[in-house]
Amino acid sequence: MERDGPVHRTIHPAIPPHVDYRLTAPGETLSEAFGGV
C-alpha cells in the first residue's frame, strides 16, 4: 500500500526494529470513503 500512496511508512533503526505507519492525504480520503461502509 505504501507504493500506491495511501500509507507512509517510517522505519526507525532501533533494536527491536520499530516501524510507524500513517495515512497520506489520499489515504485520508479513502478512510473517509470507507468510514460509511
PDB file of N, CA and C in Angstrom:
ATOM      1  N   MET A   1       0.820  -1.197   0.000  1.00  0.00           N
ATOM      2  CA  MET A   1       0.000   0.000   0.000  1.00  0.00           C
ATOM      3  C   MET A   1       0.861   1.256   0.000  1.00  0.00           C
ATOM      4  N   GLU A   2       2.020   1.158   0.554  1.00  0.00           N
ATOM      5  CA  GLU A   2       2.893   2.335   0.571  1.00  0.00           C
ATOM      6  C   GLU A   2       3.240   2.759  -0.853  1.00  0.00           C
ATOM      7  N   ARG A   3       3.473   1.810  -1.714  1.00  0.00           N
ATOM      8  CA  ARG A   3       3.841   2.105  -3.094  1.00  0.00           C
ATOM      9  C   ARG A   3       2.726   2.869  -3.817  1.00  0.00           C
ATOM     10  N   ASP A   4       1.459   2.555  -3.506  1.00  0.00           N
ATOM     11  CA  ASP A   4       0.325   3.178  -4.181  1.00  0.00           C
ATOM     12  C   ASP A   4      -0.074   4.514  -3.579  1.00  0.00           C
ATOM     13  N   GLY A   5       0.461   4.867  -2.435  1.00  0.00           N
ATOM     14  CA  GLY A   5       0.265   6.199  -1.919  1.00  0.00           C
ATOM     15  C   GLY A   5      -0.590   6.418  -0.696  1.00  0.00           C
ATOM     16  N   PRO A   6      -1.502   5.514  -0.275  1.00  0.00           N
ATOM     17  CA  PRO A   6      -2.354   5.856   0.864  1.00  0.00           C
ATOM     18  C   PRO A   6      -1.679   5.743   2.229  1.00  0.00           C
ATOM     19  N   VAL A   7      -0.534   5.070   2.275  1.00  0.00           N
ATOM     20  CA  VAL A   7       0.144   4.862   3.556  1.00  0.00           C
ATOM     21  C   VAL A   7       1.607   5.267   3.434  1.00  0.00           C
ATOM     22  N   HIS A   8       2.111   5.943   4.467  1.00  0.00           N
ATOM     23  CA  HIS A   8       3.531   6.296   4.524  1.00  0.00           C
ATOM     24  C   HIS A   8       4.161   5.493   5.657  1.00  0.00           C
ATOM     25  N   ARG A   9       5.284   4.851   5.378  1.00  0.00           N
ATOM     26  CA  ARG A   9       5.971   4.024   6.371  1.00  0.00           C
ATOM     27  C   ARG A   9       7.286   4.683   6.759  1.00  0.00           C
ATOM     28  N   THR A  10       7.531   4.770   8.068  1.00  0.00           N
ATOM     29  CA  THR A  10       8.791   5.283   8.589  1.00  0.00           C
ATOM     30  C   THR A  10       9.456   4.172   9.389  1.00  0.00           C
ATOM     31  N   ILE A  11      10.670   3.803   8.982  1.00  0.00           N
ATOM     32  CA  ILE A  11      11.418   2.762   9.676  1.00  0.00           C
ATOM     33  C   ILE A  11      12.418   3.430  10.615  1.00  0.00           C
ATOM     34  N   HIS A  12      12.367   3.061  11.891  1.00  0.00           N
ATOM     35  CA  HIS A  12      13.284   3.599  12.889  1.00  0.00           C
ATOM     36  C   HIS A  12      14.361   2.551  13.161  1.00  0.00           C
ATOM     37  N   PRO A  13      15.623   2.896  12.936  1.00  0.00           N
ATOM     38  CA  PRO A  13      16.699   1.930  13.161  1.00  0.00           C
ATOM     39  C   PRO A  13      16.957   1.743  14.657  1.00  0.00           C
ATOM     40  N   ALA A  14      16.252   0.805  15.232  1.00  0.00           N
ATOM     41  CA  ALA A  14      16.380   0.546  16.666  1.00  0.00           C
ATOM     42  C   ALA A  14      16.336  -0.963  16.893  1.00  0.00           C
ATOM     43  N   ILE A  15      16.655  -1.354  18.088  1.00  0.00           N
ATOM     44  CA  ILE A  15      16.535  -2.759  18.464  1.00  0.00           C
ATOM     45  C   ILE A  15      15.599  -2.813  19.662  1.00  0.00           C
ATOM     46  N   PRO A  16      14.474  -3.454  19.564  1.00  0.00           N
ATOM     47  CA  PRO A  16      13.954  -4.148  18.390  1.00  0.00           C
ATOM     48  C   PRO A  16      13.515  -3.157  17.317  1.00  0.00           C
ATOM     49  N   PRO A  17      13.439  -3.611  16.068  1.00  0.00           N
ATOM     50  CA  PRO A  17      13.020  -2.715  14.977  1.00  0.00           C
ATOM     51  C   PRO A  17      11.643  -2.110  15.255  1.00  0.00           C
ATOM     52  N   HIS A  18      11.475  -0.883  14.829  1.00  0.00           N
ATOM     53  CA  HIS A  18      10.216  -0.168  15.049  1.00  0.00           C
ATOM     54  C   HIS A  18       9.817   0.511  13.745  1.00  0.00           C
ATOM     55  N   VAL A  19       8.559   0.333  13.357  1.00  0.00           N
ATOM     56  CA  VAL A  19       8.044   0.923  12.124  1.00  0.00           C
ATOM     57  C   VAL A  19       6.756   1.658  12.450  1.00  0.00           C
ATOM     58  N   ASP A  20       6.629   2.895  11.956  1.00  0.00           N
ATOM     59  CA  ASP A  20       5.400   3.676  12.096  1.00  0.00           C
ATOM     60  C   ASP A  20       4.718   3.770  10.743  1.00  0.00           C
ATOM     61  N   TYR A  21       3.395   3.708  10.765  1.00  0.00           N
ATOM     62  CA  TYR A  21       2.601   3.892   9.559  1.00  0.00           C
ATOM     63  C   TYR A  21       1.639   5.043   9.803  1.00  0.00           C
ATOM     64  N   ARG A  22       1.428   5.861   8.775  1.00  0.00           N
ATOM     65  CA  ARG A  22       0.426   6.927   8.866  1.00  0.00           C
ATOM     66  C   ARG A  22      -0.222   7.089   7.500  1.00  0.00           C
ATOM     67  N   LEU A  23      -1.430   7.614   7.511  1.00  0.00           N
ATOM     68  CA  LEU A  23      -2.145   7.842   6.259  1.00  0.00           C
ATOM     69  C   LEU A  23      -1.624   9.100   5.579  1.00  0.00           C
ATOM     70  N   THR A  24      -1.515   9.041   4.259  1.00  0.00           N
ATOM     71  CA  THR A  24      -1.200  10.224   3.466  1.00  0.00           C
ATOM     72  C   THR A  24      -2.522  10.910   3.134  1.00  0.00           C
ATOM     73  N   ALA A  25      -2.483  12.021   2.416  1.00  0.00           N
ATOM     74  CA  ALA A  25      -3.715  12.721   2.027  1.00  0.00           C
ATOM     75  C   ALA A  25      -4.647  11.799   1.232  1.00  0.00           C
ATOM     76  N   PRO A  26      -4.151  11.048   0.224  1.00  0.00           N
ATOM     77  CA  PRO A  26      -5.050  10.107  -0.465  1.00  0.00           C
ATOM     78  C   PRO A  26      -5.588   9.029   0.487  1.00  0.00           C
ATOM     79  N   GLY A  27      -4.791   8.621   1.446  1.00  0.00           N
ATOM     80  CA  GLY A  27      -5.245   7.636   2.423  1.00  0.00           C
ATOM     81  C   GLY A  27      -6.350   8.179   3.308  1.00  0.00           C
ATOM     82  N   GLU A  28      -6.258   9.447   3.680  1.00  0.00           N
ATOM     83  CA  GLU A  28      -7.317  10.084   4.467  1.00  0.00           C
ATOM     84  C   GLU A  28      -8.628  10.084   3.688  1.00  0.00           C
ATOM     85  N   THR A  29      -8.546  10.373   2.391  1.00  0.00           N
ATOM     86  CA  THR A  29      -9.741  10.364   1.542  1.00  0.00           C
ATOM     87  C   THR A  29     -10.353   8.971   1.507  1.00  0.00           C
ATOM     88  N   LEU A  30      -9.520   7.954   1.354  1.00  0.00           N
ATOM     89  CA  LEU A  30     -10.020   6.576   1.362  1.00  0.00           C
ATOM     90  C   LEU A  30     -10.643   6.227   2.704  1.00  0.00           C
ATOM     91  N   SER A  31     -10.026   6.673   3.779  1.00  0.00           N
ATOM     92  CA  SER A  31     -10.547   6.401   5.112  1.00  0.00           C
ATOM     93  C   SER A  31     -11.946   6.989   5.278  1.00  0.00           C
ATOM     94  N   GLU A  32     -12.142   8.201   4.796  1.00  0.00           N
ATOM     95  CA  GLU A  32     -13.459   8.837   4.869  1.00  0.00           C
ATOM     96  C   GLU A  32     -14.474   8.067   4.035  1.00  0.00           C
ATOM     97  N   ALA A  33     -14.062   7.604   2.854  1.00  0.00           N
ATOM     98  CA  ALA A  33     -14.968   6.853   1.981  1.00  0.00           C
ATOM     99  C   ALA A  33     -15.362   5.525   2.622  1.00  0.00           C
ATOM    100  N   PHE A  34     -14.417   4.836   3.259  1.00  0.00           N
ATOM    101  CA  PHE A  34     -14.707   3.550   3.882  1.00  0.00           C
ATOM    102  C   PHE A  34     -15.404   3.701   5.224  1.00  0.00           C
ATOM    103  N   GLY A  35     -15.353   4.884   5.798  1.00  0.00           N
ATOM    104  CA  GLY A  35     -16.000   5.110   7.081  1.00  0.00           C
ATOM    105  C   GLY A  35     -17.503   4.908   7.028  1.00  0.00           C
ATOM    106  N   GLY A  36     -18.104   5.134   5.881  1.00  0.00           N
ATOM    107  CA  GLY A  36     -19.543   4.957   5.729  1.00  0.00           C
ATOM    108  C   GLY A  36     -19.952   3.530   5.430  1.00  0.00           C
ATOM    109  N   VAL A  37     -18.977   2.648   5.263  1.00  0.00           N
ATOM    110  CA  VAL A  37     -19.297   1.252   4.913  1.00  0.00           C
ATOM    111  C   VAL A  37     -19.538   0.448   6.155  1.00  0.00           C
TER     112      VAL A  37
END
